[in-house]
């Protein structure tokens, strides 16, 4: 395998990792903004109600066809996190290297 091919493959992997990181940053930013702007309202709701509200807002913003800032990857991150059966909101953790 040539050095040129190896470099291109490495750059493709790096680009993919950077896109994933960007998606996580955007999802975290969404959650931080929601908590900052709606923290009191979210505290008044039970866990299920607050997740449902955040999920609706995430879909309104990130839906690839109808969202105000379409981004299917960010929506997938938020759907996964907000669909978990946990009892409190959390900042989405960045992946750790294995």
PDB file of N, CA and C in Angstrom:
ATOM      1  N   UNK A   1       0.850  -1.177   0.000  1.00  0.00           N
ATOM      2  CA  UNK A   1       0.000   0.000   0.000  1.00  0.00           C
ATOM      3  C   UNK A   1       0.896   1.240   0.000  1.00  0.00           C
ATOM      4  N   UNK A   2       0.606   2.160  -0.840  1.00  0.00           N
ATOM      5  CA  UNK A   2       1.446   3.344  -0.953  1.00  0.00           C
ATOM      6  C   UNK A   2       1.198   4.307   0.206  1.00  0.00           C
ATOM      7  N   UNK A   3       2.182   5.143   0.419  1.00  0.00           N
ATOM      8  CA  UNK A   3       2.058   6.141   1.479  1.00  0.00           C
ATOM      9  C   UNK A   3       0.892   7.080   1.202  1.00  0.00           C
ATOM     10  N   UNK A   4       0.663   7.384  -0.069  1.00  0.00           N
ATOM     11  CA  UNK A   4      -0.437   8.269  -0.453  1.00  0.00           C
ATOM     12  C   UNK A   4      -1.786   7.650  -0.075  1.00  0.00           C
ATOM     13  N   UNK A   5      -1.954   6.370  -0.357  1.00  0.00           N
ATOM     14  CA  UNK A   5      -3.194   5.668  -0.035  1.00  0.00           C
ATOM     15  C   UNK A   5      -3.397   5.598   1.471  1.00  0.00           C
ATOM     16  N   UNK A   6      -2.324   5.290   2.195  1.00  0.00           N
ATOM     17  CA  UNK A   6      -2.410   5.221   3.654  1.00  0.00           C
ATOM     18  C   UNK A   6      -2.794   6.574   4.240  1.00  0.00           C
ATOM     19  N   UNK A   7      -2.235   7.644   3.706  1.00  0.00           N
ATOM     20  CA  UNK A   7      -2.557   8.974   4.207  1.00  0.00           C
ATOM     21  C   UNK A   7      -4.016   9.309   3.922  1.00  0.00           C
ATOM     22  N   UNK A   8      -4.488   8.971   2.728  1.00  0.00           N
ATOM     23  CA  UNK A   8      -5.886   9.233   2.393  1.00  0.00           C
ATOM     24  C   UNK A   8      -6.830   8.461   3.314  1.00  0.00           C
ATOM     25  N   UNK A   9      -6.491   7.221   3.608  1.00  0.00           N
ATOM     26  CA  UNK A   9      -7.319   6.425   4.516  1.00  0.00           C
ATOM     27  C   UNK A   9      -7.308   7.016   5.926  1.00  0.00           C
ATOM     28  N   UNK A  10      -6.148   7.440   6.373  1.00  0.00           N
ATOM     29  CA  UNK A  10      -6.045   8.056   7.696  1.00  0.00           C
ATOM     30  C   UNK A  10      -6.852   9.354   7.752  1.00  0.00           C
ATOM     31  N   UNK A  11      -6.784  10.136   6.697  1.00  0.00           N
ATOM     32  CA  UNK A  11      -7.556  11.381   6.658  1.00  0.00           C
ATOM     33  C   UNK A  11      -9.056  11.105   6.628  1.00  0.00           C
ATOM     34  N   UNK A  12      -9.477  10.056   5.946  1.00  0.00           N
ATOM     35  CA  UNK A  12     -10.900   9.691   5.910  1.00  0.00           C
ATOM     36  C   UNK A  12     -11.380   9.284   7.305  1.00  0.00           C
ATOM     37  N   UNK A  13     -10.568   8.517   8.020  1.00  0.00           N
ATOM     38  CA  UNK A  13     -10.923   8.110   9.382  1.00  0.00           C
ATOM     39  C   UNK A  13     -10.989   9.338  10.286  1.00  0.00           C
ATOM     40  N   UNK A  14     -10.011  10.202  10.176  1.00  0.00           N
ATOM     41  CA  UNK A  14     -10.001  11.420  10.983  1.00  0.00           C
ATOM     42  C   UNK A  14     -11.208  12.294  10.682  1.00  0.00           C
ATOM     43  N   UNK A  15     -11.556  12.437   9.422  1.00  0.00           N
ATOM     44  CA  UNK A  15     -12.727  13.229   9.037  1.00  0.00           C
ATOM     45  C   UNK A  15     -13.991  12.656   9.644  1.00  0.00           C
ATOM     46  N   UNK A  16     -14.127  11.335   9.611  1.00  0.00           N
ATOM     47  CA  UNK A  16     -15.294  10.677  10.208  1.00  0.00           C
ATOM     48  C   UNK A  16     -15.352  10.921  11.715  1.00  0.00           C
ATOM     49  N   UNK A  17     -14.214  10.824  12.377  1.00  0.00           N
ATOM     50  CA  UNK A  17     -14.165  11.075  13.827  1.00  0.00           C
ATOM     51  C   UNK A  17     -14.519  12.523  14.144  1.00  0.00           C
ATOM     52  N   UNK A  18     -14.040  13.447  13.334  1.00  0.00           N
ATOM     53  CA  UNK A  18     -14.352  14.861  13.557  1.00  0.00           C
ATOM     54  C   UNK A  18     -15.835  15.142  13.345  1.00  0.00           C
ATOM     55  N   UNK A  19     -16.452  14.501  12.359  1.00  0.00           N
ATOM     56  CA  UNK A  19     -17.897  14.661  12.162  1.00  0.00           C
ATOM     57  C   UNK A  19     -18.667  14.139  13.369  1.00  0.00           C
ATOM     58  N   UNK A  20     -18.262  12.981  13.877  1.00  0.00           N
ATOM     59  CA  UNK A  20     -18.920  12.422  15.056  1.00  0.00           C
ATOM     60  C   UNK A  20     -18.766  13.345  16.254  1.00  0.00           C
ATOM     61  N   UNK A  21     -17.580  13.877  16.434  1.00  0.00           N
ATOM     62  CA  UNK A  21     -17.341  14.807  17.530  1.00  0.00           C
ATOM     63  C   UNK A  21     -18.186  16.060  17.372  1.00  0.00           C
ATOM     64  N   UNK A  22     -18.291  16.573  16.159  1.00  0.00           N
ATOM     65  CA  UNK A  22     -19.111  17.755  15.897  1.00  0.00           C
ATOM     66  C   UNK A  22     -20.583  17.472  16.216  1.00  0.00           C
ATOM     67  N   UNK A  23     -21.059  16.279  15.870  1.00  0.00           N
ATOM     68  CA  UNK A  23     -22.439  15.908  16.182  1.00  0.00           C
ATOM     69  C   UNK A  23     -22.675  15.878  17.692  1.00  0.00           C
ATOM     70  N   UNK A  24     -21.708  15.339  18.435  1.00  0.00           N
ATOM     71  CA  UNK A  24     -21.836  15.309  19.892  1.00  0.00           C
ATOM     72  C   UNK A  24     -21.815  16.716  20.487  1.00  0.00           C
ATOM     73  N   UNK A  25     -20.964  17.569  19.946  1.00  0.00           N
ATOM     74  CA  UNK A  25     -20.895  18.957  20.427  1.00  0.00           C
ATOM     75  C   UNK A  25     -22.225  19.662  20.165  1.00  0.00           C
ATOM     76  N   UNK A  26     -22.794  19.471  18.984  1.00  0.00           N
ATOM     77  CA  UNK A  26     -24.077  20.111  18.658  1.00  0.00           C
ATOM     78  C   UNK A  26     -25.192  19.582  19.558  1.00  0.00           C
ATOM     79  N   UNK A  27     -25.196  18.280  19.828  1.00  0.00           N
ATOM     80  CA  UNK A  27     -26.211  17.706  20.712  1.00  0.00           C
ATOM     81  C   UNK A  27     -26.054  18.235  22.135  1.00  0.00           C
ATOM     82  N   UNK A  28     -24.818  18.315  22.610  1.00  0.00           N
ATOM     83  CA  UNK A  28     -24.574  18.872  23.943  1.00  0.00           C
ATOM     84  C   UNK A  28     -24.992  20.334  24.004  1.00  0.00           C
ATOM     85  N   UNK A  29     -24.702  21.088  22.952  1.00  0.00           N
ATOM     86  CA  UNK A  29     -25.083  22.500  22.912  1.00  0.00           C
ATOM     87  C   UNK A  29     -26.596  22.653  22.989  1.00  0.00           C
ATOM     88  N   UNK A  30     -27.314  21.803  22.276  1.00  0.00           N
ATOM     89  CA  UNK A  30     -28.772  21.817  22.325  1.00  0.00           C
ATOM     90  C   UNK A  30     -29.243  21.599  23.765  1.00  0.00           C
ATOM     91  N   UNK A  31     -28.682  20.601  24.434  1.00  0.00           N
ATOM     92  CA  UNK A  31     -29.095  20.293  25.806  1.00  0.00           C
ATOM     93  C   UNK A  31     -28.743  21.438  26.765  1.00  0.00           C
ATOM     94  N   UNK A  32     -27.568  22.008  26.612  1.00  0.00           N
ATOM     95  CA  UNK A  32     -27.155  23.116  27.478  1.00  0.00           C
ATOM     96  C   UNK A  32     -28.080  24.316  27.290  1.00  0.00           C
ATOM     97  N   UNK A  33     -28.390  24.646  26.037  1.00  0.00           N
ATOM     98  CA  UNK A  33     -29.295  25.766  25.759  1.00  0.00           C
ATOM     99  C   UNK A  33     -30.684  25.498  26.330  1.00  0.00           C
ATOM    100  N   UNK A  34     -31.170  24.276  26.168  1.00  0.00           N
ATOM    101  CA  UNK A  34     -32.493  23.935  26.692  1.00  0.00           C
ATOM    102  C   UNK A  34     -32.524  24.072  28.208  1.00  0.00           C
ATOM    103  N   UNK A  35     -31.499  23.587  28.867  1.00  0.00           N
ATOM    104  CA  UNK A  35     -31.459  23.689  30.328  1.00  0.00           C
ATOM    105  C   UNK A  35     -31.323  25.134  30.780  1.00  0.00           C
ATOM    106  N   UNK A  36     -30.543  25.919  30.063  1.00  0.00           N
ATOM    107  CA  UNK A  36     -30.367  27.327  30.434  1.00  0.00           C
ATOM    108  C   UNK A  36     -31.659  28.116  30.239  1.00  0.00           C
ATOM    109  N   UNK A  37     -32.357  27.853  29.141  1.00  0.00           N
ATOM    110  CA  UNK A  37     -33.549  28.633  28.811  1.00  0.00           C
ATOM    111  C   UNK A  37     -34.810  28.103  29.488  1.00  0.00           C
ATOM    112  N   UNK A  38     -34.854  26.815  29.750  1.00  0.00           N
ATOM    113  CA  UNK A  38     -36.091  26.209  30.230  1.00  0.00           C
ATOM    114  C   UNK A  38     -35.891  25.395  31.503  1.00  0.00           C
ATOM    115  N   UNK A  39     -34.819  25.640  32.196  1.00  0.00           N
ATOM    116  CA  UNK A  39     -34.472  24.848  33.371  1.00  0.00           C
ATOM    117  C   UNK A  39     -35.574  24.765  34.401  1.00  0.00           C
ATOM    118  N   UNK A  40     -36.190  25.876  34.709  1.00  0.00           N
ATOM    119  CA  UNK A  40     -37.247  25.875  35.725  1.00  0.00           C
ATOM    120  C   UNK A  40     -38.454  25.052  35.276  1.00  0.00           C
ATOM    121  N   UNK A  41     -38.840  25.212  34.028  1.00  0.00           N
ATOM    122  CA  UNK A  41     -39.981  24.432  33.511  1.00  0.00           C
ATOM    123  C   UNK A  41     -39.654  22.947  33.521  1.00  0.00           C
ATOM    124  N   UNK A  42     -38.424  22.601  33.149  1.00  0.00           N
ATOM    125  CA  UNK A  42     -38.027  21.191  33.134  1.00  0.00           C
ATOM    126  C   UNK A  42     -38.012  20.595  34.540  1.00  0.00           C
ATOM    127  N   UNK A  43     -37.619  21.396  35.518  1.00  0.00           N
ATOM    128  CA  UNK A  43     -37.602  20.918  36.908  1.00  0.00           C
ATOM    129  C   UNK A  43     -39.001  20.618  37.423  1.00  0.00           C
ATOM    130  N   UNK A  44     -39.981  21.318  36.889  1.00  0.00           N
ATOM    131  CA  UNK A  44     -41.361  21.126  37.330  1.00  0.00           C
ATOM    132  C   UNK A  44     -41.982  19.841  36.759  1.00  0.00           C
ATOM    133  N   UNK A  45     -41.387  19.304  35.716  1.00  0.00           N
ATOM    134  CA  UNK A  45     -41.926  18.111  35.058  1.00  0.00           C
ATOM    135  C   UNK A  45     -41.275  16.852  35.614  1.00  0.00           C
ATOM    136  N   UNK A  46     -41.958  15.733  35.400  1.00  0.00           N
ATOM    137  CA  UNK A  46     -41.310  14.473  35.730  1.00  0.00           C
ATOM    138  C   UNK A  46     -40.315  14.145  34.616  1.00  0.00           C
ATOM    139  N   UNK A  47     -39.500  13.109  34.821  1.00  0.00           N
ATOM    140  CA  UNK A  47     -38.450  12.772  33.862  1.00  0.00           C
ATOM    141  C   UNK A  47     -39.021  12.471  32.488  1.00  0.00           C
ATOM    142  N   UNK A  48     -40.098  11.738  32.440  1.00  0.00           N
ATOM    143  CA  UNK A  48     -40.693  11.370  31.159  1.00  0.00           C
ATOM    144  C   UNK A  48     -41.203  12.602  30.413  1.00  0.00           C
ATOM    145  N   UNK A  49     -41.859  13.489  31.114  1.00  0.00           N
ATOM    146  CA  UNK A  49     -42.390  14.707  30.500  1.00  0.00           C
ATOM    147  C   UNK A  49     -41.291  15.615  29.972  1.00  0.00           C
ATOM    148  N   UNK A  50     -40.220  15.763  30.744  1.00  0.00           N
ATOM    149  CA  UNK A  50     -39.132  16.635  30.298  1.00  0.00           C
ATOM    150  C   UNK A  50     -38.422  16.037  29.088  1.00  0.00           C
ATOM    151  N   UNK A  51     -38.233  14.720  29.074  1.00  0.00           N
ATOM    152  CA  UNK A  51     -37.602  14.080  27.920  1.00  0.00           C
ATOM    153  C   UNK A  51     -38.475  14.212  26.676  1.00  0.00           C
ATOM    154  N   UNK A  52     -39.770  14.024  26.860  1.00  0.00           N
ATOM    155  CA  UNK A  52     -40.681  14.161  25.725  1.00  0.00           C
ATOM    156  C   UNK A  52     -40.636  15.568  25.145  1.00  0.00           C
ATOM    157  N   UNK A  53     -40.616  16.567  26.015  1.00  0.00           N
ATOM    158  CA  UNK A  53     -40.558  17.952  25.556  1.00  0.00           C
ATOM    159  C   UNK A  53     -39.243  18.215  24.805  1.00  0.00           C
ATOM    160  N   UNK A  54     -38.133  17.753  25.373  1.00  0.00           N
ATOM    161  CA  UNK A  54     -36.840  17.952  24.723  1.00  0.00           C
ATOM    162  C   UNK A  54     -36.762  17.195  23.399  1.00  0.00           C
ATOM    163  N   UNK A  55     -37.340  16.017  23.348  1.00  0.00           N
ATOM    164  CA  UNK A  55     -37.350  15.233  22.114  1.00  0.00           C
ATOM    165  C   UNK A  55     -38.137  15.967  21.018  1.00  0.00           C
ATOM    166  N   UNK A  56     -39.285  16.522  21.385  1.00  0.00           N
ATOM    167  CA  UNK A  56     -40.079  17.286  20.405  1.00  0.00           C
ATOM    168  C   UNK A  56     -39.284  18.492  19.901  1.00  0.00           C
ATOM    169  N   UNK A  57     -38.614  19.186  20.804  1.00  0.00           N
ATOM    170  CA  UNK A  57     -37.825  20.353  20.403  1.00  0.00           C
ATOM    171  C   UNK A  57     -36.644  19.943  19.527  1.00  0.00           C
ATOM    172  N   UNK A  58     -36.023  18.821  19.847  1.00  0.00           N
ATOM    173  CA  UNK A  58     -34.901  18.328  19.036  1.00  0.00           C
ATOM    174  C   UNK A  58     -35.384  17.973  17.634  1.00  0.00           C
ATOM    175  N   UNK A  59     -36.546  17.333  17.554  1.00  0.00           N
ATOM    176  CA  UNK A  59     -37.095  16.983  16.240  1.00  0.00           C
ATOM    177  C   UNK A  59     -37.440  18.225  15.439  1.00  0.00           C
ATOM    178  N   UNK A  60     -37.987  19.227  16.113  1.00  0.00           N
ATOM    179  CA  UNK A  60     -38.340  20.469  15.419  1.00  0.00           C
ATOM    180  C   UNK A  60     -37.096  21.168  14.870  1.00  0.00           C
ATOM    181  N   UNK A  61     -36.002  21.055  15.582  1.00  0.00           N
ATOM    182  CA  UNK A  61     -34.778  21.719  15.139  1.00  0.00           C
ATOM    183  C   UNK A  61     -33.977  20.873  14.150  1.00  0.00           C
ATOM    184  N   UNK A  62     -33.804  19.577  14.422  1.00  0.00           N
ATOM    185  CA  UNK A  62     -32.830  18.780  13.674  1.00  0.00           C
ATOM    186  C   UNK A  62     -33.423  17.798  12.668  1.00  0.00           C
ATOM    187  N   UNK A  63     -34.737  17.704  12.554  1.00  0.00           N
ATOM    188  CA  UNK A  63     -35.328  16.787  11.585  1.00  0.00           C
ATOM    189  C   UNK A  63     -34.755  17.099  10.203  1.00  0.00           C
ATOM    190  N   UNK A  64     -34.246  16.078   9.493  1.00  0.00           N
ATOM    191  CA  UNK A  64     -33.590  16.349   8.214  1.00  0.00           C
ATOM    192  C   UNK A  64     -34.510  16.915   7.133  1.00  0.00           C
ATOM    193  N   UNK A  65     -35.805  16.720   7.258  1.00  0.00           N
ATOM    194  CA  UNK A  65     -36.724  17.212   6.234  1.00  0.00           C
ATOM    195  C   UNK A  65     -37.465  18.480   6.634  1.00  0.00           C
ATOM    196  N   UNK A  66     -37.775  18.616   7.914  1.00  0.00           N
ATOM    197  CA  UNK A  66     -38.604  19.745   8.338  1.00  0.00           C
ATOM    198  C   UNK A  66     -37.971  20.620   9.414  1.00  0.00           C
ATOM    199  N   UNK A  67     -36.780  20.283   9.870  1.00  0.00           N
ATOM    200  CA  UNK A  67     -36.164  21.003  10.972  1.00  0.00           C
ATOM    201  C   UNK A  67     -35.655  22.388  10.598  1.00  0.00           C
ATOM    202  N   UNK A  68     -35.536  23.230  11.605  1.00  0.00           N
ATOM    203  CA  UNK A  68     -35.009  24.572  11.378  1.00  0.00           C
ATOM    204  C   UNK A  68     -33.495  24.547  11.168  1.00  0.00           C
ATOM    205  N   UNK A  69     -32.833  23.511  11.659  1.00  0.00           N
ATOM    206  CA  UNK A  69     -31.394  23.299  11.447  1.00  0.00           C
ATOM    207  C   UNK A  69     -31.189  21.807  11.174  1.00  0.00           C
ATOM    208  N   UNK A  70     -31.609  21.332  10.017  1.00  0.00           N
ATOM    209  CA  UNK A  70     -31.622  19.895   9.735  1.00  0.00           C
ATOM    210  C   UNK A  70     -30.267  19.224   9.947  1.00  0.00           C
ATOM    211  N   UNK A  71     -30.288  18.146  10.727  1.00  0.00           N
ATOM    212  CA  UNK A  71     -29.068  17.373  10.959  1.00  0.00           C
ATOM    213  C   UNK A  71     -29.477  16.017  11.528  1.00  0.00           C
ATOM    214  N   UNK A  72     -29.544  15.023  10.670  1.00  0.00           N
ATOM    215  CA  UNK A  72     -29.991  13.691  11.068  1.00  0.00           C
ATOM    216  C   UNK A  72     -29.075  13.057  12.112  1.00  0.00           C
ATOM    217  N   UNK A  73     -27.772  13.292  12.008  1.00  0.00           N
ATOM    218  CA  UNK A  73     -26.830  12.687  12.954  1.00  0.00           C
ATOM    219  C   UNK A  73     -27.021  13.245  14.364  1.00  0.00           C
ATOM    220  N   UNK A  74     -27.201  14.545  14.479  1.00  0.00           N
ATOM    221  CA  UNK A  74     -27.420  15.151  15.797  1.00  0.00           C
ATOM    222  C   UNK A  74     -28.756  14.671  16.371  1.00  0.00           C
ATOM    223  N   UNK A  75     -29.772  14.612  15.534  1.00  0.00           N
ATOM    224  CA  UNK A  75     -31.068  14.122  15.990  1.00  0.00           C
ATOM    225  C   UNK A  75     -30.945  12.688  16.487  1.00  0.00           C
ATOM    226  N   UNK A  76     -30.189  11.861  15.805  1.00  0.00           N
ATOM    227  CA  UNK A  76     -30.010  10.467  16.235  1.00  0.00           C
ATOM    228  C   UNK A  76     -29.349  10.397  17.611  1.00  0.00           C
ATOM    229  N   UNK A  77     -28.363  11.245  17.862  1.00  0.00           N
ATOM    230  CA  UNK A  77     -27.706  11.277  19.174  1.00  0.00           C
ATOM    231  C   UNK A  77     -28.715  11.661  20.246  1.00  0.00           C
ATOM    232  N   UNK A  78     -29.481  12.716  19.986  1.00  0.00           N
ATOM    233  CA  UNK A  78     -30.447  13.187  20.977  1.00  0.00           C
ATOM    234  C   UNK A  78     -31.575  12.185  21.197  1.00  0.00           C
ATOM    235  N   UNK A  79     -32.051  11.558  20.124  1.00  0.00           N
ATOM    236  CA  UNK A  79     -33.101  10.545  20.263  1.00  0.00           C
ATOM    237  C   UNK A  79     -32.605   9.404  21.144  1.00  0.00           C
ATOM    238  N   UNK A  80     -31.376   8.987  20.928  1.00  0.00           N
ATOM    239  CA  UNK A  80     -30.823   7.887  21.713  1.00  0.00           C
ATOM    240  C   UNK A  80     -30.681   8.274  23.188  1.00  0.00           C
ATOM    241  N   UNK A  81     -30.143   9.451  23.442  1.00  0.00           N
ATOM    242  CA  UNK A  81     -29.928   9.890  24.819  1.00  0.00           C
ATOM    243  C   UNK A  81     -31.252  10.159  25.531  1.00  0.00           C
ATOM    244  N   UNK A  82     -32.158  10.825  24.853  1.00  0.00           N
ATOM    245  CA  UNK A  82     -33.430  11.164  25.486  1.00  0.00           C
ATOM    246  C   UNK A  82     -34.376   9.968  25.565  1.00  0.00           C
ATOM    247  N   UNK A  83     -34.059   8.896  24.888  1.00  0.00           N
ATOM    248  CA  UNK A  83     -34.871   7.698  24.947  1.00  0.00           C
ATOM    249  C   UNK A  83     -34.460   6.749  26.056  1.00  0.00           C
ATOM    250  N   UNK A  84     -33.329   7.001  26.668  1.00  0.00           N
ATOM    251  CA  UNK A  84     -32.852   6.144  27.761  1.00  0.00           C
ATOM    252  C   UNK A  84     -33.767   6.261  28.967  1.00  0.00           C
ATOM    253  N   UNK A  85     -33.801   5.212  29.746  1.00  0.00           N
ATOM    254  CA  UNK A  85     -34.624   5.185  30.953  1.00  0.00           C
ATOM    255  C   UNK A  85     -33.798   5.620  32.166  1.00  0.00           C
ATOM    256  N   UNK A  86     -33.365   6.857  32.162  1.00  0.00           N
ATOM    257  CA  UNK A  86     -32.627   7.415  33.298  1.00  0.00           C
ATOM    258  C   UNK A  86     -33.512   8.431  33.995  1.00  0.00           C
ATOM    259  N   UNK A  87     -33.162   8.777  35.182  1.00  0.00           N
ATOM    260  CA  UNK A  87     -34.022   9.638  35.976  1.00  0.00           C
ATOM    261  C   UNK A  87     -33.616  11.104  35.991  1.00  0.00           C
ATOM    262  N   UNK A  88     -32.511  11.445  35.349  1.00  0.00           N
ATOM    263  CA  UNK A  88     -32.119  12.852  35.333  1.00  0.00           C
ATOM    264  C   UNK A  88     -31.440  13.168  34.012  1.00  0.00           C
ATOM    265  N   UNK A  89     -31.452  14.434  33.678  1.00  0.00           N
ATOM    266  CA  UNK A  89     -30.776  14.869  32.457  1.00  0.00           C
ATOM    267  C   UNK A  89     -29.281  14.808  32.679  1.00  0.00           C
ATOM    268  N   UNK A  90     -28.560  14.632  31.607  1.00  0.00           N
ATOM    269  CA  UNK A  90     -27.111  14.610  31.719  1.00  0.00           C
ATOM    270  C   UNK A  90     -26.511  15.176  30.448  1.00  0.00           C
ATOM    271  N   UNK A  91     -25.301  15.657  30.597  1.00  0.00           N
ATOM    272  CA  UNK A  91     -24.559  16.095  29.432  1.00  0.00           C
ATOM    273  C   UNK A  91     -24.082  14.838  28.721  1.00  0.00           C
ATOM    274  N   UNK A  92     -24.175  14.809  27.425  1.00  0.00           N
ATOM    275  CA  UNK A  92     -23.787  13.622  26.669  1.00  0.00           C
ATOM    276  C   UNK A  92     -22.277  13.468  26.743  1.00  0.00           C
ATOM    277  N   UNK A  93     -21.799  12.334  27.225  1.00  0.00           N
ATOM    278  CA  UNK A  93     -20.344  12.167  27.375  1.00  0.00           C
ATOM    279  C   UNK A  93     -19.653  11.990  26.031  1.00  0.00           C
ATOM    280  N   UNK A  94     -18.446  12.509  25.943  1.00  0.00           N
ATOM    281  CA  UNK A  94     -17.638  12.284  24.759  1.00  0.00           C
ATOM    282  C   UNK A  94     -17.095  10.862  24.816  1.00  0.00           C
ATOM    283  N   UNK A  95     -16.934  10.234  23.678  1.00  0.00           N
ATOM    284  CA  UNK A  95     -16.416   8.859  23.686  1.00  0.00           C
ATOM    285  C   UNK A  95     -14.960   8.854  24.165  1.00  0.00           C
ATOM    286  N   UNK A  96     -14.589   7.780  24.807  1.00  0.00           N
ATOM    287  CA  UNK A  96     -13.209   7.628  25.274  1.00  0.00           C
ATOM    288  C   UNK A  96     -12.493   6.677  24.334  1.00  0.00           C
ATOM    289  N   UNK A  97     -11.220   6.894  24.218  1.00  0.00           N
ATOM    290  CA  UNK A  97     -10.442   6.022  23.349  1.00  0.00           C
ATOM    291  C   UNK A  97     -10.254   4.674  24.013  1.00  0.00           C
ATOM    292  N   UNK A  98     -10.385   3.641  23.211  1.00  0.00           N
ATOM    293  CA  UNK A  98     -10.200   2.283  23.735  1.00  0.00           C
ATOM    294  C   UNK A  98      -8.773   1.832  23.577  1.00  0.00           C
TER     295      UNK A  98
END
